[in-house]
Every structure is written in C-alpha cells, then in structure tokens.
C-alpha atoms as a PDB file:
ATOM      1  CA  UNK A   1       8.742  27.657  78.204  1.00  0.00           C
ATOM      2  CA  UNK A   2       9.663  24.177  78.079  1.00  0.00           C
ATOM      3  CA  UNK A   3      13.580  23.714  79.110  1.00  0.00           C
ATOM      4  CA  UNK A   4      15.096  20.616  77.672  1.00  0.00           C
ATOM      5  CA  UNK A   5      17.919  18.933  79.682  1.00  0.00           C
ATOM      6  CA  UNK A   6      21.473  19.246  79.510  1.00  0.00           C
ATOM      7  CA  UNK A   7      21.511  22.541  77.341  1.00  0.00           C
ATOM      8  CA  UNK A   8      19.501  20.959  75.023  1.00  0.00           C
ATOM      9  CA  UNK A   9      17.762  24.793  74.232  1.00  0.00           C
ATOM     10  CA  UNK A  10      20.931  26.137  73.034  1.00  0.00           C
ATOM     11  CA  UNK A  11      21.416  22.644  70.538  1.00  0.00           C
ATOM     12  CA  UNK A  12      18.253  23.225  69.516  1.00  0.00           C
ATOM     13  CA  UNK A  13      18.651  27.210  68.437  1.00  0.00           C
ATOM     14  CA  UNK A  14      22.132  26.396  67.016  1.00  0.00           C
ATOM     15  CA  UNK A  15      20.941  23.178  64.895  1.00  0.00           C
ATOM     16  CA  UNK A  16      18.094  25.928  63.597  1.00  0.00           C
ATOM     17  CA  UNK A  17      20.544  28.825  62.829  1.00  0.00           C
ATOM     18  CA  UNK A  18      22.742  26.241  61.257  1.00  0.00           C
ATOM     19  CA  UNK A  19      19.817  24.958  58.897  1.00  0.00           C
ATOM     20  CA  UNK A  20      18.470  28.443  58.083  1.00  0.00           C
ATOM     21  CA  UNK A  21      22.244  29.219  56.748  1.00  0.00           C
ATOM     22  CA  UNK A  22      22.085  26.138  54.593  1.00  0.00           C
ATOM     23  CA  UNK A  23      19.079  27.131  53.278  1.00  0.00           C
ATOM     24  CA  UNK A  24      20.222  30.528  52.268  1.00  0.00           C
ATOM     25  CA  UNK A  25      23.478  29.270  50.638  1.00  0.00           C
ATOM     26  CA  UNK A  26      21.209  26.691  48.506  1.00  0.00           C
ATOM     27  CA  UNK A  27      18.885  29.517  47.483  1.00  0.00           C
ATOM     28  CA  UNK A  28      21.552  31.852  46.818  1.00  0.00           C
ATOM     29  CA  UNK A  29      23.334  29.172  44.698  1.00  0.00           C
ATOM     30  CA  UNK A  30      19.890  28.150  42.559  1.00  0.00           C
ATOM     31  CA  UNK A  31      19.486  31.700  42.029  1.00  0.00           C
ATOM     32  CA  UNK A  32      22.986  32.275  40.458  1.00  0.00           C
ATOM     33  CA  UNK A  33      22.298  29.523  38.416  1.00  0.00           C
ATOM     34  CA  UNK A  34      19.133  30.047  37.163  1.00  0.00           C
ATOM     35  CA  UNK A  35      18.026  31.644  33.843  1.00  0.00           C
ATOM     36  CA  UNK A  36      18.402  35.171  34.285  1.00  0.00           C
ATOM     37  CA  UNK A  37      14.950  36.676  35.553  1.00  0.00           C
ATOM     38  CA  UNK A  38      15.187  40.000  33.555  1.00  0.00           C
ATOM     39  CA  UNK A  39      14.420  38.431  30.298  1.00  0.00           C
ATOM     40  CA  UNK A  40      11.144  39.024  28.832  1.00  0.00           C
ATOM     41  CA  UNK A  41      10.991  35.870  26.542  1.00  0.00           C
ATOM     42  CA  UNK A  42      12.358  32.784  25.792  1.00  0.00           C
ATOM     43  CA  UNK A  43      14.956  34.131  23.173  1.00  0.00           C
ATOM     44  CA  UNK A  44      16.208  36.827  24.801  1.00  0.00           C
ATOM     45  CA  UNK A  45      16.571  34.158  27.897  1.00  0.00           C
ATOM     46  CA  UNK A  46      18.729  31.878  25.576  1.00  0.00           C
ATOM     47  CA  UNK A  47      20.653  35.036  24.359  1.00  0.00           C
ATOM     48  CA  UNK A  48      21.560  35.539  28.259  1.00  0.00           C
ATOM     49  CA  UNK A  49      22.287  31.935  28.611  1.00  0.00           C
ATOM     50  CA  UNK A  50      24.793  31.597  25.612  1.00  0.00           C
ATOM     51  CA  UNK A  51      26.118  35.027  26.689  1.00  0.00           C
ATOM     52  CA  UNK A  52      27.739  33.395  29.659  1.00  0.00           C
ATOM     53  CA  UNK A  53      30.850  31.426  29.708  1.00  0.00           C
ATOM     54  CA  UNK A  54      29.327  28.023  31.330  1.00  0.00           C
ATOM     55  CA  UNK A  55      29.719  24.222  30.867  1.00  0.00           C
ATOM     56  CA  UNK A  56      27.438  22.370  28.776  1.00  0.00           C
ATOM     57  CA  UNK A  57      26.128  20.723  31.850  1.00  0.00           C
ATOM     58  CA  UNK A  58      25.318  24.182  33.345  1.00  0.00           C
ATOM     59  CA  UNK A  59      24.167  25.683  29.862  1.00  0.00           C
ATOM     60  CA  UNK A  60      21.823  22.386  29.568  1.00  0.00           C
ATOM     61  CA  UNK A  61      20.070  23.555  32.932  1.00  0.00           C
ATOM     62  CA  UNK A  62      19.787  27.132  32.128  1.00  0.00           C
ATOM     63  CA  UNK A  63      18.184  26.487  28.822  1.00  0.00           C
ATOM     64  CA  UNK A  64      15.779  23.934  30.201  1.00  0.00           C
ATOM     65  CA  UNK A  65      14.764  26.571  32.857  1.00  0.00           C
ATOM     66  CA  UNK A  66      14.109  29.269  30.224  1.00  0.00           C
ATOM     67  CA  UNK A  67      12.038  26.853  28.630  1.00  0.00           C
ATOM     68  CA  UNK A  68      10.518  26.398  31.905  1.00  0.00           C
ATOM     69  CA  UNK A  69       9.894  30.070  32.304  1.00  0.00           C
ATOM     70  CA  UNK A  70       8.420  31.106  28.947  1.00  0.00           C
ATOM     71  CA  UNK A  71       5.947  28.732  27.426  1.00  0.00           C
ATOM     72  CA  UNK A  72       5.699  30.949  23.922  1.00  0.00           C
ATOM     73  CA  UNK A  73       8.109  31.520  21.003  1.00  0.00           C
ATOM     74  CA  UNK A  74       8.590  34.955  19.553  1.00  0.00           C
ATOM     75  CA  UNK A  75       6.856  34.796  15.674  1.00  0.00           C
ATOM     76  CA  UNK A  76       8.793  36.668  12.734  1.00  0.00           C
ATOM     77  CA  UNK A  77       5.840  38.966  12.568  1.00  0.00           C
ATOM     78  CA  UNK A  78       5.506  39.946  15.871  1.00  0.00           C
ATOM     79  CA  UNK A  79       3.671  38.340  18.688  1.00  0.00           C
ATOM     80  CA  UNK A  80       4.064  34.869  19.871  1.00  0.00           C
ATOM     81  CA  UNK A  81       3.296  31.130  19.607  1.00  0.00           C
ATOM     82  CA  UNK A  82       2.394  28.652  21.765  1.00  0.00           C
ATOM     83  CA  UNK A  83       2.935  24.889  20.469  1.00  0.00           C
ATOM     84  CA  UNK A  84       0.741  22.248  22.025  1.00  0.00           C
ATOM     85  CA  UNK A  85       2.706  18.852  21.397  1.00  0.00           C
ATOM     86  CA  UNK A  86      -0.621  17.110  22.352  1.00  0.00           C
ATOM     87  CA  UNK A  87      -2.322  18.186  19.228  1.00  0.00           C
ATOM     88  CA  UNK A  88       0.759  18.887  17.328  1.00  0.00           C
ATOM     89  CA  UNK A  89      -0.565  22.598  16.413  1.00  0.00           C
ATOM     90  CA  UNK A  90       0.692  26.136  17.181  1.00  0.00           C
ATOM     91  CA  UNK A  91      -1.701  28.542  18.814  1.00  0.00           C
ATOM     92  CA  UNK A  92      -1.337  32.614  18.497  1.00  0.00           C
ATOM     93  CA  UNK A  93      -0.702  34.373  22.406  1.00  0.00           C
ATOM     94  CA  UNK A  94      -0.503  37.534  23.133  1.00  0.00           C
ATOM     95  CA  UNK A  95       2.688  37.255  25.679  1.00  0.00           C
ATOM     96  CA  UNK A  96       5.798  35.057  26.097  1.00  0.00           C
ATOM     97  CA  UNK A  97       2.889  32.758  28.438  1.00  0.00           C
ATOM     98  CA  UNK A  98      -0.717  31.978  27.414  1.00  0.00           C
ATOM     99  CA  UNK A  99      -2.701  34.247  29.456  1.00  0.00           C
ATOM    100  CA  UNK A 100      -5.803  32.198  31.580  1.00  0.00           C
ATOM    101  CA  UNK A 101      -8.329  32.794  28.658  1.00  0.00           C
ATOM    102  CA  UNK A 102      -5.828  31.647  26.262  1.00  0.00           C
ATOM    103  CA  UNK A 103      -4.879  28.496  28.492  1.00  0.00           C
ATOM    104  CA  UNK A 104      -8.759  28.037  28.512  1.00  0.00           C
ATOM    105  CA  UNK A 105      -9.188  28.464  24.542  1.00  0.00           C
ATOM    106  CA  UNK A 106      -6.275  25.848  24.136  1.00  0.00           C
ATOM    107  CA  UNK A 107      -7.955  23.145  26.584  1.00  0.00           C
ATOM    108  CA  UNK A 108     -11.555  23.615  24.702  1.00  0.00           C
ATOM    109  CA  UNK A 109      -9.617  22.998  21.087  1.00  0.00           C
ATOM    110  CA  UNK A 110      -7.844  20.014  23.051  1.00  0.00           C
ATOM    111  CA  UNK A 111     -11.444  18.623  24.231  1.00  0.00           C
ATOM    112  CA  UNK A 112     -12.187  18.879  20.565  1.00  0.00           C
ATOM    113  CA  UNK A 113      -9.449  17.517  19.045  1.00  0.00           C
ATOM    114  CA  UNK A 114      -9.742  14.551  21.625  1.00  0.00           C
ATOM    115  CA  UNK A 115     -13.364  14.058  20.272  1.00  0.00           C
ATOM    116  CA  UNK A 116     -12.394  14.218  16.795  1.00  0.00           C
ATOM    117  CA  UNK A 117      -9.939  11.495  17.680  1.00  0.00           C
ATOM    118  CA  UNK A 118     -12.771   9.135  19.258  1.00  0.00           C
ATOM    119  CA  UNK A 119     -14.937   9.541  16.322  1.00  0.00           C
ATOM    120  CA  UNK A 120     -12.284   8.918  13.875  1.00  0.00           C
ATOM    121  CA  UNK A 121     -11.738   5.735  15.531  1.00  0.00           C
ATOM    122  CA  UNK A 122     -15.129   4.828  15.672  1.00  0.00           C
ATOM    123  CA  UNK A 123     -15.334   5.613  12.060  1.00  0.00           C
ATOM    124  CA  UNK A 124     -12.544   3.338  11.381  1.00  0.00           C
ATOM    125  CA  UNK A 125     -13.828   0.604  13.541  1.00  0.00           C
ATOM    126  CA  UNK A 126     -16.845   0.361  11.615  1.00  0.00           C
ATOM    127  CA  UNK A 127     -15.076   0.624   8.449  1.00  0.00           C
ATOM    128  CA  UNK A 128     -13.133  -2.365   9.590  1.00  0.00           C
ATOM    129  CA  UNK A 129     -16.113  -4.445  10.562  1.00  0.00           C
ATOM    130  CA  UNK A 130     -17.809  -3.921   7.349  1.00  0.00           C
ATOM    131  CA  UNK A 131     -14.976  -4.737   5.260  1.00  0.00           C
ATOM    132  CA  UNK A 132     -14.676  -7.658   7.273  1.00  0.00           C
ATOM    133  CA  UNK A 133     -18.275  -8.826   6.641  1.00  0.00           C
ATOM    134  CA  UNK A 134     -18.220  -7.720   2.886  1.00  0.00           C
ATOM    135  CA  UNK A 135     -14.895 -10.234   2.439  1.00  0.00           C
ATOM    136  CA  UNK A 136     -17.253 -12.933   4.584  1.00  0.00           C
ATOM    137  CA  UNK A 137     -20.068 -12.551   2.274  1.00  0.00           C
ATOM    138  CA  UNK A 138     -18.009 -12.312  -0.602  1.00  0.00           C
ATOM    139  CA  UNK A 139     -15.892 -15.765   0.763  1.00  0.00           C
ATOM    140  CA  UNK A 140     -19.499 -17.341   0.900  1.00  0.00           C
ATOM    141  CA  UNK A 141     -20.436 -16.358  -2.536  1.00  0.00           C
ATOM    142  CA  UNK A 142     -17.284 -18.387  -3.624  1.00  0.00           C
ATOM    143  CA  UNK A 143     -17.985 -21.440  -2.037  1.00  0.00           C
ATOM    144  CA  UNK A 144     -19.274 -24.322  -4.456  1.00  0.00           C
ATOM    145  CA  UNK A 145     -23.373 -24.477  -4.656  1.00  0.00           C
ATOM    146  CA  UNK A 146     -23.517 -28.570  -4.908  1.00  0.00           C
ATOM    147  CA  UNK A 147     -26.208 -30.281  -6.488  1.00  0.00           C
ATOM    148  CA  UNK A 148     -29.695 -29.131  -7.331  1.00  0.00           C
ATOM    149  CA  UNK A 149     -32.341 -29.106  -4.891  1.00  0.00           C
ATOM    150  CA  UNK A 150     -35.259 -31.136  -5.762  1.00  0.00           C
ATOM    151  CA  UNK A 151     -38.652 -29.784  -4.394  1.00  0.00           C
ATOM    152  CA  UNK A 152     -41.449 -32.128  -4.001  1.00  0.00           C
ATOM    153  CA  UNK A 153     -44.807 -31.133  -3.398  1.00  0.00           C
ATOM    154  CA  UNK A 154     -46.258 -32.235   0.085  1.00  0.00           C
ATOM    155  CA  UNK A 155     -49.989 -32.486  -1.608  1.00  0.00           C
ATOM    156  CA  UNK A 156     -49.673 -34.373  -5.033  1.00  0.00           C
ATOM    157  CA  UNK A 157     -51.516 -32.272  -7.565  1.00  0.00           C
ATOM    158  CA  UNK A 158     -54.767 -33.214  -8.892  1.00  0.00           C
ATOM    159  CA  UNK A 159     -54.952 -35.750 -11.856  1.00  0.00           C
ATOM    160  CA  UNK A 160     -56.080 -34.202 -15.238  1.00  0.00           C
ATOM    161  CA  UNK A 161     -59.755 -33.779 -14.991  1.00  0.00           C
ATOM    162  CA  UNK A 162     -61.508 -36.866 -16.848  1.00  0.00           C
ATOM    163  CA  UNK A 163     -64.854 -36.008 -18.637  1.00  0.00           C
ATOM    164  CA  UNK A 164     -67.481 -37.056 -16.080  1.00  0.00           C
ATOM    165  CA  UNK A 165     -68.865 -40.555 -16.957  1.00  0.00           C
ATOM    166  CA  UNK A 166     -72.747 -40.540 -17.676  1.00  0.00           C
ATOM    167  CA  UNK A 167     -73.929 -43.101 -15.283  1.00  0.00           C
ATOM    168  CA  UNK A 168     -77.453 -42.870 -16.881  1.00  0.00           C
ATOM    169  CA  UNK A 169     -76.358 -44.899 -19.929  1.00  0.00           C
ATOM    170  CA  UNK A 170     -75.039 -48.464 -20.023  1.00  0.00           C
ATOM    171  CA  UNK A 171     -71.491 -48.829 -20.460  1.00  0.00           C
ATOM    172  CA  UNK A 172     -69.515 -51.830 -21.094  1.00  0.00           C
ATOM    173  CA  UNK A 173     -66.761 -52.344 -18.643  1.00  0.00           C
ATOM    174  CA  UNK A 174     -64.582 -55.325 -19.594  1.00  0.00           C
ATOM    175  CA  UNK A 175     -62.530 -55.185 -16.831  1.00  0.00           C
ATOM    176  CA  UNK A 176     -63.537 -56.830 -13.300  1.00  0.00           C
ATOM    177  CA  UNK A 177     -63.229 -53.236 -11.403  1.00  0.00           C
ATOM    178  CA  UNK A 178     -65.586 -52.200  -8.684  1.00  0.00           C
ATOM    179  CA  UNK A 179     -66.673 -49.132 -10.074  1.00  0.00           C
ATOM    180  CA  UNK A 180     -67.221 -51.099 -13.331  1.00  0.00           C
ATOM    181  CA  UNK A 181     -69.466 -53.431 -11.779  1.00  0.00           C
ATOM    182  CA  UNK A 182     -71.312 -50.751  -9.669  1.00  0.00           C
ATOM    183  CA  UNK A 183     -71.817 -48.799 -12.677  1.00  0.00           C
ATOM    184  CA  UNK A 184     -73.365 -51.906 -14.196  1.00  0.00           C
ATOM    185  CA  UNK A 185     -75.359 -52.546 -11.176  1.00  0.00           C
ATOM    186  CA  UNK A 186     -76.785 -49.277 -11.149  1.00  0.00           C
ATOM    187  CA  UNK A 187     -77.713 -49.607 -14.848  1.00  0.00           C
ATOM    188  CA  UNK A 188     -79.527 -52.693 -14.105  1.00  0.00           C
ATOM    189  CA  UNK A 189     -81.550 -51.033 -11.514  1.00  0.00           C
ATOM    190  CA  UNK A 190     -82.570 -48.042 -13.445  1.00  0.00           C
ATOM    191  CA  UNK A 191     -83.969 -50.122 -16.221  1.00  0.00           C
ATOM    192  CA  UNK A 192     -85.637 -51.967 -13.611  1.00  0.00           C
ATOM    193  CA  UNK A 193     -87.547 -49.184 -12.534  1.00  0.00           C
ATOM    194  CA  UNK A 194     -87.820 -47.988 -15.931  1.00  0.00           C
ATOM    195  CA  UNK A 195     -89.887 -50.889 -16.958  1.00  0.00           C
ATOM    196  CA  UNK A 196     -92.092 -51.448 -13.981  1.00  0.00           C
ATOM    197  CA  UNK A 197     -93.258 -47.841 -14.484  1.00  0.00           C
ATOM    198  CA  UNK A 198     -94.142 -48.435 -18.019  1.00  0.00           C
ATOM    199  CA  UNK A 199     -96.049 -51.553 -17.367  1.00  0.00           C
ATOM    200  CA  UNK A 200     -98.307 -50.092 -14.446  1.00  0.00           C
ATOM    201  CA  UNK A 201    -101.274 -47.870 -15.850  1.00  0.00           C
END
C-alpha cells in the first residue's frame, strides 16, 4: 500500500469518515423532510402533509415533492387522470402515475397535436396570403381607368371596292391624271388596230 508522508493515511481516513457521516446526516434530514413514502397517490400524500404541523416553507416543499412523486390525480368516479399542460388535455390512466404504454400513448397524442397545430398554422398563413392578394386585387380595381385607349390598325383597311372600269370603251376623262391619259392612249391603240384589221382583205 502507498503511504502518504507525515501520517497522511490517517488524515485521509478521518476525512473520508467525516464526509460519510455528513452524507448520512444530509440523507436522513432529506428523508425526514420528504413527502410521506407510504402514500398511494397525490391526494393521500397531500392529506399526510396537511396533517403535520409545518411552516409554510416546509409545507410548500412537501407539496412540490408530492406533485413530483405522483403525476396523476384521482377522479371522482374512480381511476386517475393525467393532465398534459402542453396539450391542455386530460388522459385517463390506470394508476397514480402513467405506465410506459400510457406514456407512449400520451406522446403519440402530443405528436398528433403538434401536427394539427402545424397544419392550422399553414392554413392560417395561406388564408392570410389569399386575403392580402384579394385586397390588392380589389385595390387595383378601384384605381381610375384613365382615358379610353384608341386602337389603330397596322394595315389600313381596303377602300370600298369600285366598279371595275371597262377600259374597252373610251371614257372621257377631264382631269390630266396619269390613269386618265393611259386609258385614252389604250383606247386609241385599240381603235387603230381595229381599223387596220377592217381595211385589210
């Protein structure tokens, strides 16, 4: 065995025994001040705490200990109920504390609760966006329209069709336009060919 200088082994042993005794005293005081271990459920634990003559601080500490020991509360018709503050909902349980299977059911219900809240949040956000879009559409519909828009065609429409001019007949044209002169010239040429064909046998 390793020896400590200057009687260190003796000091080490005495320190260890002192710490052990101190731990036992703290444990004994803690057990004495704890909620009654013989209680079957929360309501019985509370009755036992109220039966003791304690200061308000000690009574509050023991009530918190009862609350920590027993999650369920006794129902009037028998059985127990567990209140889950996260879901703001009560669950029926078999005893003063939920069993492992009951805890799983509560957890599954909580997951469903969170999923429903998520869906509600998404629906609310979608409804809010649709409402904002509708308001924007209504606001744009209220804007003044302004002057009417004039639409002009890119190609001018064809003029009303005139009667075809019979160019075979001589027309009298009194204006000096190119078309009128051309019509006169063509009439003269026709007449000249027509007359020359009559004179030849």
